[in-house]
Amino acid sequence: MVTVLYKQRHGYDVRIYPDDHDPPHVHVWKGGRQVKIDLETMEVISMSNNFNSREIRQIVDLLREHESLLFEVWERLQDS
């Protein structure tokens, strides 16, 4: 696992796992909770210990802000 964004706005960590499955996605963590977001659609794939809708909007905004970096890291880690 690689933490791409650490303790970003609102305290979210954004992680990508090497050799992970498609579609391109990230795991976003905060306070023991995790949500997996599809980078192409920005939709929730799965979630543990639910984030509320406001938090999901914050997360998606953060991911959109760093979208090109996240895709770049995804590609690099999947080609390893």
N, C-alpha and C. Protein backbone atom coordinates (compact mmCIF):
# COMPACT_ATOMS: atom_id res chain seq x y z
N MET A 1 0.83 -1.17 0.00
CA MET A 1 0.00 0.00 0.00
C MET A 1 0.88 1.24 0.00
N VAL A 2 0.48 2.22 -0.80
CA VAL A 2 1.20 3.48 -0.86
C VAL A 2 0.23 4.60 -0.48
N THR A 3 0.60 5.38 0.52
CA THR A 3 -0.20 6.54 0.87
C THR A 3 0.20 7.68 -0.06
N VAL A 4 -0.72 8.06 -0.93
CA VAL A 4 -0.44 9.09 -1.93
C VAL A 4 -0.69 10.47 -1.35
N LEU A 5 -1.75 10.62 -0.61
CA LEU A 5 -2.08 11.88 0.05
C LEU A 5 -2.24 11.58 1.54
N TYR A 6 -1.49 12.26 2.39
CA TYR A 6 -1.49 12.00 3.82
C TYR A 6 -2.09 13.17 4.59
N LYS A 7 -3.10 12.85 5.38
CA LYS A 7 -3.75 13.85 6.25
C LYS A 7 -4.08 15.13 5.49
N GLN A 8 -4.72 14.95 4.36
CA GLN A 8 -5.13 16.08 3.54
C GLN A 8 -6.29 16.80 4.20
N ARG A 9 -6.82 17.76 3.48
CA ARG A 9 -7.96 18.53 3.98
C ARG A 9 -8.96 17.61 4.66
N HIS A 10 -9.40 17.96 5.82
CA HIS A 10 -10.35 17.20 6.65
C HIS A 10 -9.75 15.91 7.19
N GLY A 11 -8.43 15.70 7.05
CA GLY A 11 -7.75 14.56 7.67
C GLY A 11 -7.81 13.24 6.92
N TYR A 12 -8.10 13.27 5.63
CA TYR A 12 -8.20 12.03 4.85
C TYR A 12 -6.83 11.57 4.35
N ASP A 13 -6.60 10.25 4.44
CA ASP A 13 -5.45 9.60 3.81
C ASP A 13 -5.95 8.89 2.56
N VAL A 14 -5.25 9.05 1.45
CA VAL A 14 -5.62 8.41 0.20
C VAL A 14 -4.53 7.41 -0.15
N ARG A 15 -4.93 6.14 -0.31
CA ARG A 15 -3.96 5.07 -0.53
C ARG A 15 -4.29 4.29 -1.79
N ILE A 16 -3.24 3.76 -2.42
CA ILE A 16 -3.37 2.90 -3.58
C ILE A 16 -2.53 1.65 -3.32
N TYR A 17 -3.08 0.50 -3.64
CA TYR A 17 -2.39 -0.76 -3.43
C TYR A 17 -1.72 -1.21 -4.73
N PRO A 18 -0.46 -1.63 -4.68
CA PRO A 18 0.21 -2.17 -5.88
C PRO A 18 -0.50 -3.42 -6.37
N ASP A 19 -0.49 -3.59 -7.70
CA ASP A 19 -1.08 -4.78 -8.33
C ASP A 19 -2.53 -5.01 -7.91
N ASP A 20 -3.28 -3.95 -7.74
CA ASP A 20 -4.69 -4.03 -7.37
C ASP A 20 -5.52 -4.30 -8.62
N HIS A 21 -6.77 -4.61 -8.45
CA HIS A 21 -7.68 -4.95 -9.54
C HIS A 21 -8.30 -3.70 -10.16
N ASP A 22 -8.76 -3.83 -11.40
CA ASP A 22 -9.53 -2.75 -12.03
C ASP A 22 -10.92 -2.72 -11.43
N PRO A 23 -11.59 -1.60 -11.53
CA PRO A 23 -11.22 -0.34 -12.17
C PRO A 23 -10.22 0.43 -11.29
N PRO A 24 -9.54 1.41 -11.89
CA PRO A 24 -8.64 2.26 -11.10
C PRO A 24 -9.41 2.87 -9.92
N HIS A 25 -8.88 2.72 -8.75
CA HIS A 25 -9.58 3.22 -7.56
C HIS A 25 -8.59 3.55 -6.45
N VAL A 26 -9.09 4.24 -5.45
CA VAL A 26 -8.31 4.58 -4.26
C VAL A 26 -9.07 4.14 -3.03
N HIS A 27 -8.31 3.95 -1.95
CA HIS A 27 -8.88 3.66 -0.64
C HIS A 27 -8.64 4.92 0.20
N VAL A 28 -9.71 5.47 0.73
CA VAL A 28 -9.60 6.68 1.53
C VAL A 28 -9.92 6.32 2.98
N TRP A 29 -9.01 6.69 3.87
CA TRP A 29 -9.10 6.34 5.28
C TRP A 29 -9.21 7.59 6.15
N LYS A 30 -9.97 7.44 7.21
CA LYS A 30 -10.01 8.47 8.25
C LYS A 30 -10.59 7.84 9.52
N GLY A 31 -9.85 7.92 10.60
CA GLY A 31 -10.34 7.44 11.88
C GLY A 31 -10.80 5.99 11.88
N GLY A 32 -10.08 5.11 11.19
CA GLY A 32 -10.45 3.70 11.17
C GLY A 32 -11.55 3.35 10.18
N ARG A 33 -12.06 4.34 9.48
CA ARG A 33 -13.09 4.11 8.46
C ARG A 33 -12.45 4.15 7.08
N GLN A 34 -13.02 3.37 6.15
CA GLN A 34 -12.47 3.31 4.80
C GLN A 34 -13.59 3.36 3.77
N VAL A 35 -13.32 4.06 2.69
CA VAL A 35 -14.21 4.03 1.53
C VAL A 35 -13.35 3.83 0.30
N LYS A 36 -13.83 2.99 -0.62
CA LYS A 36 -13.12 2.75 -1.88
C LYS A 36 -13.88 3.48 -2.97
N ILE A 37 -13.15 4.35 -3.72
CA ILE A 37 -13.76 5.21 -4.74
C ILE A 37 -13.16 4.89 -6.11
N ASP A 38 -14.02 4.71 -7.10
CA ASP A 38 -13.63 4.51 -8.49
C ASP A 38 -13.10 5.85 -9.02
N LEU A 39 -11.88 5.87 -9.54
CA LEU A 39 -11.29 7.12 -10.03
C LEU A 39 -11.90 7.60 -11.34
N GLU A 40 -12.48 6.69 -12.12
CA GLU A 40 -13.06 7.09 -13.41
C GLU A 40 -14.43 7.72 -13.23
N THR A 41 -15.24 7.17 -12.32
CA THR A 41 -16.61 7.67 -12.14
C THR A 41 -16.78 8.51 -10.87
N MET A 42 -15.80 8.41 -9.97
CA MET A 42 -15.85 9.06 -8.66
C MET A 42 -17.05 8.57 -7.84
N GLU A 43 -17.41 7.31 -8.03
CA GLU A 43 -18.49 6.69 -7.27
C GLU A 43 -17.93 5.75 -6.23
N VAL A 44 -18.69 5.57 -5.16
CA VAL A 44 -18.31 4.66 -4.08
C VAL A 44 -18.42 3.22 -4.58
N ILE A 45 -17.34 2.45 -4.42
CA ILE A 45 -17.35 1.03 -4.75
C ILE A 45 -17.74 0.23 -3.51
N SER A 46 -17.14 0.56 -2.39
CA SER A 46 -17.48 -0.09 -1.12
C SER A 46 -17.08 0.82 0.03
N MET A 47 -17.63 0.50 1.21
CA MET A 47 -17.37 1.36 2.36
C MET A 47 -17.47 0.52 3.63
N SER A 48 -16.60 0.80 4.60
CA SER A 48 -16.73 0.19 5.92
C SER A 48 -16.87 1.31 6.94
N ASN A 49 -17.71 1.08 7.92
CA ASN A 49 -17.95 2.09 8.96
C ASN A 49 -18.32 3.42 8.32
N ASN A 50 -19.47 3.47 7.76
CA ASN A 50 -20.00 4.51 6.88
C ASN A 50 -19.52 5.93 7.09
N PHE A 51 -19.20 6.55 5.96
CA PHE A 51 -19.01 7.99 5.88
C PHE A 51 -20.37 8.58 5.53
N ASN A 52 -20.67 9.77 6.01
CA ASN A 52 -21.94 10.39 5.65
C ASN A 52 -21.81 11.09 4.29
N SER A 53 -22.91 11.55 3.74
CA SER A 53 -22.92 12.13 2.39
C SER A 53 -22.04 13.38 2.30
N ARG A 54 -21.97 14.17 3.35
CA ARG A 54 -21.10 15.36 3.36
C ARG A 54 -19.64 14.94 3.25
N GLU A 55 -19.26 13.91 3.99
CA GLU A 55 -17.88 13.42 3.94
C GLU A 55 -17.55 12.84 2.56
N ILE A 56 -18.48 12.13 1.96
CA ILE A 56 -18.26 11.59 0.61
C ILE A 56 -18.02 12.73 -0.37
N ARG A 57 -18.80 13.80 -0.27
CA ARG A 57 -18.59 14.97 -1.14
C ARG A 57 -17.21 15.58 -0.92
N GLN A 58 -16.78 15.68 0.34
CA GLN A 58 -15.44 16.21 0.64
C GLN A 58 -14.37 15.32 0.02
N ILE A 59 -14.55 14.02 0.13
CA ILE A 59 -13.58 13.08 -0.42
C ILE A 59 -13.51 13.19 -1.94
N VAL A 60 -14.66 13.21 -2.58
CA VAL A 60 -14.69 13.31 -4.04
C VAL A 60 -14.06 14.63 -4.50
N ASP A 61 -14.34 15.72 -3.80
CA ASP A 61 -13.70 17.01 -4.14
C ASP A 61 -12.19 16.90 -4.03
N LEU A 62 -11.69 16.26 -2.98
CA LEU A 62 -10.26 16.08 -2.78
C LEU A 62 -9.67 15.24 -3.92
N LEU A 63 -10.34 14.16 -4.28
CA LEU A 63 -9.85 13.29 -5.35
C LEU A 63 -9.84 14.01 -6.69
N ARG A 64 -10.86 14.78 -6.97
CA ARG A 64 -10.89 15.53 -8.23
C ARG A 64 -9.75 16.54 -8.29
N GLU A 65 -9.44 17.15 -7.17
CA GLU A 65 -8.35 18.12 -7.11
C GLU A 65 -7.00 17.48 -7.44
N HIS A 66 -6.84 16.21 -7.12
CA HIS A 66 -5.57 15.50 -7.32
C HIS A 66 -5.70 14.36 -8.34
N GLU A 67 -6.70 14.44 -9.19
CA GLU A 67 -7.04 13.35 -10.10
C GLU A 67 -5.87 12.90 -10.98
N SER A 68 -5.17 13.83 -11.59
CA SER A 68 -4.07 13.43 -12.49
C SER A 68 -2.96 12.72 -11.72
N LEU A 69 -2.62 13.20 -10.54
CA LEU A 69 -1.61 12.54 -9.72
C LEU A 69 -2.06 11.13 -9.35
N LEU A 70 -3.31 10.97 -8.96
CA LEU A 70 -3.82 9.67 -8.54
C LEU A 70 -3.79 8.66 -9.68
N PHE A 71 -4.19 9.09 -10.89
CA PHE A 71 -4.12 8.20 -12.04
C PHE A 71 -2.67 7.84 -12.37
N GLU A 72 -1.78 8.79 -12.26
CA GLU A 72 -0.36 8.55 -12.53
C GLU A 72 0.20 7.50 -11.56
N VAL A 73 -0.10 7.66 -10.29
CA VAL A 73 0.39 6.71 -9.28
C VAL A 73 -0.27 5.34 -9.50
N TRP A 74 -1.55 5.32 -9.80
CA TRP A 74 -2.25 4.05 -10.07
C TRP A 74 -1.52 3.30 -11.19
N GLU A 75 -1.27 3.97 -12.31
CA GLU A 75 -0.62 3.33 -13.45
C GLU A 75 0.77 2.82 -13.09
N ARG A 76 1.53 3.62 -12.39
CA ARG A 76 2.88 3.23 -12.00
C ARG A 76 2.87 2.00 -11.10
N LEU A 77 1.94 1.95 -10.15
CA LEU A 77 1.90 0.83 -9.21
C LEU A 77 1.34 -0.45 -9.84
N GLN A 78 0.53 -0.32 -10.86
CA GLN A 78 -0.03 -1.51 -11.50
C GLN A 78 0.94 -2.10 -12.52
N ASP A 79 1.87 -1.30 -13.00
CA ASP A 79 2.87 -1.78 -13.95
C ASP A 79 4.11 -2.33 -13.29
N SER A 80 4.15 -2.28 -11.97
CA SER A 80 5.35 -2.71 -11.22
C SER A 80 5.55 -4.20 -11.32
